[in-house]
Amino acid sequence: MDVNVQRPKRRDNVLSTLNMTIEVLNLAKEASSITPAKAAFGSVSAILVMIRVRSFLFYLDEFQAHMSVGLNGQPSGLR
């Protein structure tokens, strides 16, 4: 199987797992009655959101590197 085909599937699986984990942590934070546990769940959730955003930005940078070149070396955008 082509490596380029597996990469988006793996990335989608990782992002969906990350989203699910963030949701579970948010639910645990809401359900918890212990203040330190709420702070811990909230902190871990915030860190995972930062990781998710960073991986999405990395994906966009990778995608932009494969854009076709237009006239005079200017990017022509998506086709």
PDB file of N, CA and C in Angstrom:
ATOM      1  N   MET A   1       0.847  -1.176   0.000  1.00  0.00           N
ATOM      2  CA  MET A   1       0.000   0.000   0.000  1.00  0.00           C
ATOM      3  C   MET A   1       0.893   1.240   0.000  1.00  0.00           C
ATOM      4  N   ASP A   2       0.432   2.282  -0.620  1.00  0.00           N
ATOM      5  CA  ASP A   2       1.192   3.514  -0.747  1.00  0.00           C
ATOM      6  C   ASP A   2       1.315   4.211   0.613  1.00  0.00           C
ATOM      7  N   VAL A   3       2.510   4.686   0.915  1.00  0.00           N
ATOM      8  CA  VAL A   3       2.767   5.362   2.191  1.00  0.00           C
ATOM      9  C   VAL A   3       1.966   6.654   2.279  1.00  0.00           C
ATOM     10  N   ASN A   4       1.817   7.375   1.160  1.00  0.00           N
ATOM     11  CA  ASN A   4       1.079   8.640   1.164  1.00  0.00           C
ATOM     12  C   ASN A   4      -0.403   8.438   1.441  1.00  0.00           C
ATOM     13  N   VAL A   5      -0.946   7.266   1.105  1.00  0.00           N
ATOM     14  CA  VAL A   5      -2.346   6.982   1.400  1.00  0.00           C
ATOM     15  C   VAL A   5      -2.513   6.671   2.877  1.00  0.00           C
ATOM     16  N   GLN A   6      -1.549   5.999   3.486  1.00  0.00           N
ATOM     17  CA  GLN A   6      -1.642   5.633   4.895  1.00  0.00           C
ATOM     18  C   GLN A   6      -1.483   6.836   5.806  1.00  0.00           C
ATOM     19  N   ARG A   7      -0.695   7.821   5.391  1.00  0.00           N
ATOM     20  CA  ARG A   7      -0.420   8.980   6.248  1.00  0.00           C
ATOM     21  C   ARG A   7      -1.686   9.753   6.614  1.00  0.00           C
ATOM     22  N   PRO A   8      -2.573  10.131   5.656  1.00  0.00           N
ATOM     23  CA  PRO A   8      -3.795  10.843   6.064  1.00  0.00           C
ATOM     24  C   PRO A   8      -4.705   9.997   6.949  1.00  0.00           C
ATOM     25  N   LYS A   9      -4.782   8.689   6.693  1.00  0.00           N
ATOM     26  CA  LYS A   9      -5.617   7.829   7.534  1.00  0.00           C
ATOM     27  C   LYS A   9      -5.088   7.805   8.957  1.00  0.00           C
ATOM     28  N   ARG A  10      -3.774   7.688   9.103  1.00  0.00           N
ATOM     29  CA  ARG A  10      -3.165   7.668  10.432  1.00  0.00           C
ATOM     30  C   ARG A  10      -3.395   8.999  11.128  1.00  0.00           C
ATOM     31  N   ARG A  11      -3.244  10.103  10.389  1.00  0.00           N
ATOM     32  CA  ARG A  11      -3.447  11.426  10.972  1.00  0.00           C
ATOM     33  C   ARG A  11      -4.894  11.596  11.405  1.00  0.00           C
ATOM     34  N   ASP A  12      -5.835  11.130  10.583  1.00  0.00           N
ATOM     35  CA  ASP A  12      -7.250  11.217  10.953  1.00  0.00           C
ATOM     36  C   ASP A  12      -7.546  10.397  12.196  1.00  0.00           C
ATOM     37  N   ASN A  13      -6.946   9.216  12.295  1.00  0.00           N
ATOM     38  CA  ASN A  13      -7.147   8.379  13.481  1.00  0.00           C
ATOM     39  C   ASN A  13      -6.583   9.040  14.724  1.00  0.00           C
ATOM     40  N   VAL A  14      -5.413   9.628  14.602  1.00  0.00           N
ATOM     41  CA  VAL A  14      -4.794  10.296  15.747  1.00  0.00           C
ATOM     42  C   VAL A  14      -5.633  11.490  16.175  1.00  0.00           C
ATOM     43  N   LEU A  15      -6.090  12.298  15.209  1.00  0.00           N
ATOM     44  CA  LEU A  15      -6.895  13.469  15.558  1.00  0.00           C
ATOM     45  C   LEU A  15      -8.238  13.071  16.159  1.00  0.00           C
ATOM     46  N   SER A  16      -8.853  12.020  15.651  1.00  0.00           N
ATOM     47  CA  SER A  16     -10.133  11.612  16.237  1.00  0.00           C
ATOM     48  C   SER A  16      -9.938  11.067  17.649  1.00  0.00           C
ATOM     49  N   THR A  17      -8.850  10.344  17.875  1.00  0.00           N
ATOM     50  CA  THR A  17      -8.549   9.855  19.222  1.00  0.00           C
ATOM     51  C   THR A  17      -8.264  11.021  20.166  1.00  0.00           C
ATOM     52  N   LEU A  18      -7.539  12.006  19.671  1.00  0.00           N
ATOM     53  CA  LEU A  18      -7.234  13.193  20.473  1.00  0.00           C
ATOM     54  C   LEU A  18      -8.511  13.944  20.821  1.00  0.00           C
ATOM     55  N   ASN A  19      -9.404  14.112  19.856  1.00  0.00           N
ATOM     56  CA  ASN A  19     -10.679  14.784  20.118  1.00  0.00           C
ATOM     57  C   ASN A  19     -11.511  14.028  21.141  1.00  0.00           C
ATOM     58  N   MET A  20     -11.550  12.706  21.017  1.00  0.00           N
ATOM     59  CA  MET A  20     -12.314  11.893  21.958  1.00  0.00           C
ATOM     60  C   MET A  20     -11.732  12.010  23.363  1.00  0.00           C
ATOM     61  N   THR A  21     -10.412  11.991  23.481  1.00  0.00           N
ATOM     62  CA  THR A  21      -9.767  12.109  24.788  1.00  0.00           C
ATOM     63  C   THR A  21     -10.056  13.464  25.414  1.00  0.00           C
ATOM     64  N   ILE A  22     -10.036  14.510  24.616  1.00  0.00           N
ATOM     65  CA  ILE A  22     -10.339  15.857  25.121  1.00  0.00           C
ATOM     66  C   ILE A  22     -11.773  15.914  25.643  1.00  0.00           C
ATOM     67  N   GLU A  23     -12.704  15.322  24.903  1.00  0.00           N
ATOM     68  CA  GLU A  23     -14.102  15.303  25.342  1.00  0.00           C
ATOM     69  C   GLU A  23     -14.278  14.526  26.649  1.00  0.00           C
ATOM     70  N   VAL A  24     -13.593  13.379  26.751  1.00  0.00           N
ATOM     71  CA  VAL A  24     -13.676  12.579  27.981  1.00  0.00           C
ATOM     72  C   VAL A  24     -13.116  13.361  29.166  1.00  0.00           C
ATOM     73  N   LEU A  25     -12.005  14.046  28.973  1.00  0.00           N
ATOM     74  CA  LEU A  25     -11.427  14.849  30.060  1.00  0.00           C
ATOM     75  C   LEU A  25     -12.348  15.990  30.459  1.00  0.00           C
ATOM     76  N   ASN A  26     -13.003  16.608  29.484  1.00  0.00           N
ATOM     77  CA  ASN A  26     -13.941  17.684  29.806  1.00  0.00           C
ATOM     78  C   ASN A  26     -15.131  17.151  30.593  1.00  0.00           C
ATOM     79  N   LEU A  27     -15.624  15.969  30.208  1.00  0.00           N
ATOM     80  CA  LEU A  27     -16.720  15.361  30.965  1.00  0.00           C
ATOM     81  C   LEU A  27     -16.282  14.988  32.377  1.00  0.00           C
ATOM     82  N   ALA A  28     -15.075  14.456  32.508  1.00  0.00           N
ATOM     83  CA  ALA A  28     -14.555  14.102  33.832  1.00  0.00           C
ATOM     84  C   ALA A  28     -14.396  15.344  34.700  1.00  0.00           C
ATOM     85  N   LYS A  29     -13.976  16.437  34.087  1.00  0.00           N
ATOM     86  CA  LYS A  29     -13.823  17.693  34.832  1.00  0.00           C
ATOM     87  C   LYS A  29     -15.179  18.176  35.338  1.00  0.00           C
ATOM     88  N   GLU A  30     -16.200  18.076  34.497  1.00  0.00           N
ATOM     89  CA  GLU A  30     -17.545  18.503  34.898  1.00  0.00           C
ATOM     90  C   GLU A  30     -18.113  17.595  35.986  1.00  0.00           C
ATOM     91  N   ALA A  31     -17.850  16.302  35.888  1.00  0.00           N
ATOM     92  CA  ALA A  31     -18.427  15.351  36.831  1.00  0.00           C
ATOM     93  C   ALA A  31     -17.692  15.309  38.164  1.00  0.00           C
ATOM     94  N   SER A  32     -16.450  15.741  38.180  1.00  0.00           N
ATOM     95  CA  SER A  32     -15.640  15.654  39.390  1.00  0.00           C
ATOM     96  C   SER A  32     -16.066  16.706  40.408  1.00  0.00           C
ATOM     97  N   SER A  33     -16.078  16.290  41.657  1.00  0.00           N
ATOM     98  CA  SER A  33     -16.405  17.227  42.731  1.00  0.00           C
ATOM     99  C   SER A  33     -15.163  17.645  43.519  1.00  0.00           C
ATOM    100  N   ILE A  34     -14.021  17.074  43.170  1.00  0.00           N
ATOM    101  CA  ILE A  34     -12.771  17.377  43.859  1.00  0.00           C
ATOM    102  C   ILE A  34     -12.045  18.478  43.078  1.00  0.00           C
ATOM    103  N   THR A  35     -11.785  19.591  43.731  1.00  0.00           N
ATOM    104  CA  THR A  35     -11.199  20.749  43.061  1.00  0.00           C
ATOM    105  C   THR A  35      -9.838  20.455  42.424  1.00  0.00           C
ATOM    106  N   PRO A  36      -8.903  19.787  43.092  1.00  0.00           N
ATOM    107  CA  PRO A  36      -7.620  19.499  42.422  1.00  0.00           C
ATOM    108  C   PRO A  36      -7.782  18.604  41.191  1.00  0.00           C
ATOM    109  N   ALA A  37      -8.748  17.690  41.242  1.00  0.00           N
ATOM    110  CA  ALA A  37      -8.984  16.827  40.079  1.00  0.00           C
ATOM    111  C   ALA A  37      -9.528  17.643  38.915  1.00  0.00           C
ATOM    112  N   LYS A  38     -10.413  18.599  39.201  1.00  0.00           N
ATOM    113  CA  LYS A  38     -10.931  19.470  38.147  1.00  0.00           C
ATOM    114  C   LYS A  38      -9.802  20.252  37.487  1.00  0.00           C
ATOM    115  N   ALA A  39      -8.882  20.756  38.314  1.00  0.00           N
ATOM    116  CA  ALA A  39      -7.749  21.506  37.778  1.00  0.00           C
ATOM    117  C   ALA A  39      -6.851  20.607  36.922  1.00  0.00           C
ATOM    118  N   ALA A  40      -6.644  19.395  37.367  1.00  0.00           N
ATOM    119  CA  ALA A  40      -5.799  18.463  36.602  1.00  0.00           C
ATOM    120  C   ALA A  40      -6.449  18.102  35.277  1.00  0.00           C
ATOM    121  N   PHE A  41      -7.744  17.773  35.311  1.00  0.00           N
ATOM    122  CA  PHE A  41      -8.442  17.439  34.068  1.00  0.00           C
ATOM    123  C   PHE A  41      -8.439  18.622  33.103  1.00  0.00           C
ATOM    124  N   GLY A  42      -8.661  19.815  33.628  1.00  0.00           N
ATOM    125  CA  GLY A  42      -8.662  21.010  32.785  1.00  0.00           C
ATOM    126  C   GLY A  42      -7.304  21.295  32.182  1.00  0.00           C
ATOM    127  N   SER A  43      -6.249  21.120  32.959  1.00  0.00           N
ATOM    128  CA  SER A  43      -4.891  21.366  32.464  1.00  0.00           C
ATOM    129  C   SER A  43      -4.506  20.375  31.370  1.00  0.00           C
ATOM    130  N   VAL A  44      -4.786  19.107  31.605  1.00  0.00           N
ATOM    131  CA  VAL A  44      -4.452  18.085  30.603  1.00  0.00           C
ATOM    132  C   VAL A  44      -5.266  18.317  29.336  1.00  0.00           C
ATOM    133  N   SER A  45      -6.516  18.678  29.481  1.00  0.00           N
ATOM    134  CA  SER A  45      -7.361  18.962  28.325  1.00  0.00           C
ATOM    135  C   SER A  45      -6.806  20.142  27.526  1.00  0.00           C
ATOM    136  N   ALA A  46      -6.383  21.190  28.211  1.00  0.00           N
ATOM    137  CA  ALA A  46      -5.815  22.358  27.530  1.00  0.00           C
ATOM    138  C   ALA A  46      -4.530  21.996  26.788  1.00  0.00           C
ATOM    139  N   ILE A  47      -3.705  21.162  27.386  1.00  0.00           N
ATOM    140  CA  ILE A  47      -2.461  20.733  26.725  1.00  0.00           C
ATOM    141  C   ILE A  47      -2.786  19.924  25.468  1.00  0.00           C
ATOM    142  N   LEU A  48      -3.767  19.032  25.566  1.00  0.00           N
ATOM    143  CA  LEU A  48      -4.142  18.231  24.400  1.00  0.00           C
ATOM    144  C   LEU A  48      -4.732  19.091  23.285  1.00  0.00           C
ATOM    145  N   VAL A  49      -5.476  20.134  23.649  1.00  0.00           N
ATOM    146  CA  VAL A  49      -6.004  21.051  22.636  1.00  0.00           C
ATOM    147  C   VAL A  49      -4.853  21.759  21.929  1.00  0.00           C
ATOM    148  N   MET A  50      -3.826  22.165  22.679  1.00  0.00           N
ATOM    149  CA  MET A  50      -2.662  22.814  22.050  1.00  0.00           C
ATOM    150  C   MET A  50      -1.948  21.853  21.104  1.00  0.00           C
ATOM    151  N   ILE A  51      -1.836  20.594  21.505  1.00  0.00           N
ATOM    152  CA  ILE A  51      -1.205  19.593  20.636  1.00  0.00           C
ATOM    153  C   ILE A  51      -2.041  19.404  19.374  1.00  0.00           C
ATOM    154  N   ARG A  52      -3.355  19.355  19.533  1.00  0.00           N
ATOM    155  CA  ARG A  52      -4.231  19.188  18.369  1.00  0.00           C
ATOM    156  C   ARG A  52      -4.095  20.361  17.401  1.00  0.00           C
ATOM    157  N   VAL A  53      -4.101  21.571  17.915  1.00  0.00           N
ATOM    158  CA  VAL A  53      -3.979  22.758  17.060  1.00  0.00           C
ATOM    159  C   VAL A  53      -2.622  22.777  16.373  1.00  0.00           C
ATOM    160  N   ARG A  54      -1.583  22.447  17.102  1.00  0.00           N
ATOM    161  CA  ARG A  54      -0.243  22.450  16.507  1.00  0.00           C
ATOM    162  C   ARG A  54      -0.123  21.400  15.410  1.00  0.00           C
ATOM    163  N   SER A  55      -0.696  20.219  15.634  1.00  0.00           N
ATOM    164  CA  SER A  55      -0.617  19.182  14.605  1.00  0.00           C
ATOM    165  C   SER A  55      -1.433  19.578  13.390  1.00  0.00           C
ATOM    166  N   PHE A  56      -2.545  20.287  13.587  1.00  0.00           N
ATOM    167  CA  PHE A  56      -3.340  20.765  12.460  1.00  0.00           C
ATOM    168  C   PHE A  56      -2.567  21.816  11.673  1.00  0.00           C
ATOM    169  N   LEU A  57      -1.887  22.720  12.380  1.00  0.00           N
ATOM    170  CA  LEU A  57      -1.086  23.732  11.683  1.00  0.00           C
ATOM    171  C   LEU A  57       0.068  23.089  10.927  1.00  0.00           C
ATOM    172  N   PHE A  58       0.673  22.059  11.505  1.00  0.00           N
ATOM    173  CA  PHE A  58       1.734  21.331  10.817  1.00  0.00           C
ATOM    174  C   PHE A  58       1.191  20.684   9.559  1.00  0.00           C
ATOM    175  N   TYR A  59      -0.020  20.144   9.633  1.00  0.00           N
ATOM    176  CA  TYR A  59      -0.661  19.527   8.475  1.00  0.00           C
ATOM    177  C   TYR A  59      -0.888  20.571   7.391  1.00  0.00           C
ATOM    178  N   LEU A  60      -1.322  21.776   7.762  1.00  0.00           N
ATOM    179  CA  LEU A  60      -1.534  22.827   6.772  1.00  0.00           C
ATOM    180  C   LEU A  60      -0.225  23.237   6.120  1.00  0.00           C
ATOM    181  N   ASP A  61       0.846  23.356   6.907  1.00  0.00           N
ATOM    182  CA  ASP A  61       2.150  23.702   6.344  1.00  0.00           C
ATOM    183  C   ASP A  61       2.611  22.635   5.366  1.00  0.00           C
ATOM    184  N   GLU A  62       2.414  21.378   5.720  1.00  0.00           N
ATOM    185  CA  GLU A  62       2.809  20.276   4.843  1.00  0.00           C
ATOM    186  C   GLU A  62       1.998  20.331   3.555  1.00  0.00           C
ATOM    187  N   PHE A  63       0.721  20.649   3.664  1.00  0.00           N
ATOM    188  CA  PHE A  63      -0.148  20.711   2.502  1.00  0.00           C
ATOM    189  C   PHE A  63       0.255  21.860   1.588  1.00  0.00           C
ATOM    190  N   GLN A  64       0.601  23.000   2.174  1.00  0.00           N
ATOM    191  CA  GLN A  64       0.986  24.155   1.378  1.00  0.00           C
ATOM    192  C   GLN A  64       2.303  23.918   0.654  1.00  0.00           C
ATOM    193  N   ALA A  65       3.144  23.053   1.195  1.00  0.00           N
ATOM    194  CA  ALA A  65       4.415  22.763   0.539  1.00  0.00           C
ATOM    195  C   ALA A  65       4.201  22.002  -0.757  1.00  0.00           C
ATOM    196  N   HIS A  66       3.027  21.385  -0.930  1.00  0.00           N
ATOM    197  CA  HIS A  66       2.756  20.615  -2.130  1.00  0.00           C
ATOM    198  C   HIS A  66       1.866  21.370  -3.121  1.00  0.00           C
ATOM    199  N   MET A  67       1.697  22.664  -2.925  1.00  0.00           N
ATOM    200  CA  MET A  67       0.889  23.448  -3.857  1.00  0.00           C
ATOM    201  C   MET A  67       1.655  23.633  -5.152  1.00  0.00           C
ATOM    202  N   SER A  68       0.911  23.769  -6.228  1.00  0.00           N
ATOM    203  CA  SER A  68       1.568  23.978  -7.517  1.00  0.00           C
ATOM    204  C   SER A  68       2.045  25.425  -7.624  1.00  0.00           C
ATOM    205  N   VAL A  69       3.087  25.609  -8.390  1.00  0.00           N
ATOM    206  CA  VAL A  69       3.678  26.936  -8.550  1.00  0.00           C
ATOM    207  C   VAL A  69       3.069  27.597  -9.773  1.00  0.00           C
ATOM    208  N   GLY A  70       2.691  28.874  -9.604  1.00  0.00           N
ATOM    209  CA  GLY A  70       2.092  29.631 -10.702  1.00  0.00           C
ATOM    210  C   GLY A  70       3.148  30.418 -11.469  1.00  0.00           C
ATOM    211  N   LEU A  71       2.731  31.505 -12.060  1.00  0.00           N
ATOM    212  CA  LEU A  71       3.646  32.339 -12.831  1.00  0.00           C
ATOM    213  C   LEU A  71       4.642  33.054 -11.957  1.00  0.00           C
ATOM    214  N   ASN A  72       5.862  33.196 -12.414  1.00  0.00           N
ATOM    215  CA  ASN A  72       6.924  33.916 -11.721  1.00  0.00           C
ATOM    216  C   ASN A  72       7.191  33.363 -10.325  1.00  0.00           C
ATOM    217  N   GLY A  73       6.988  32.078 -10.136  1.00  0.00           N
ATOM    218  CA  GLY A  73       7.284  31.455  -8.859  1.00  0.00           C
ATOM    219  C   GLY A  73       6.280  31.731  -7.758  1.00  0.00           C
ATOM    220  N   GLN A  74       5.153  32.371  -8.090  1.00  0.00           N
ATOM    221  CA  GLN A  74       4.143  32.669  -7.087  1.00  0.00           C
ATOM    222  C   GLN A  74       3.216  31.463  -6.927  1.00  0.00           C
ATOM    223  N   PRO A  75       2.800  31.160  -5.708  1.00  0.00           N
ATOM    224  CA  PRO A  75       1.871  30.046  -5.538  1.00  0.00           C
ATOM    225  C   PRO A  75       0.559  30.382  -6.232  1.00  0.00           C
ATOM    226  N   SER A  76       0.031  29.427  -6.946  1.00  0.00           N
ATOM    227  CA  SER A  76      -1.219  29.674  -7.676  1.00  0.00           C
ATOM    228  C   SER A  76      -2.441  29.241  -6.891  1.00  0.00           C
ATOM    229  N   GLY A  77      -2.241  28.632  -5.734  1.00  0.00           N
ATOM    230  CA  GLY A  77      -3.360  28.183  -4.912  1.00  0.00           C
ATOM    231  C   GLY A  77      -3.748  26.764  -5.237  1.00  0.00           C
ATOM    232  N   LEU A  78      -4.862  26.358  -4.684  1.00  0.00           N
ATOM    233  CA  LEU A  78      -5.325  24.988  -4.873  1.00  0.00           C
ATOM    234  C   LEU A  78      -5.994  24.853  -6.237  1.00  0.00           C
ATOM    235  N   ARG A  79      -5.846  23.695  -6.825  1.00  0.00           N
ATOM    236  CA  ARG A  79      -6.493  23.434  -8.113  1.00  0.00           C
ATOM    237  C   ARG A  79      -7.388  22.244  -7.987  1.00  0.00           C
TER     238      ARG A  79
END
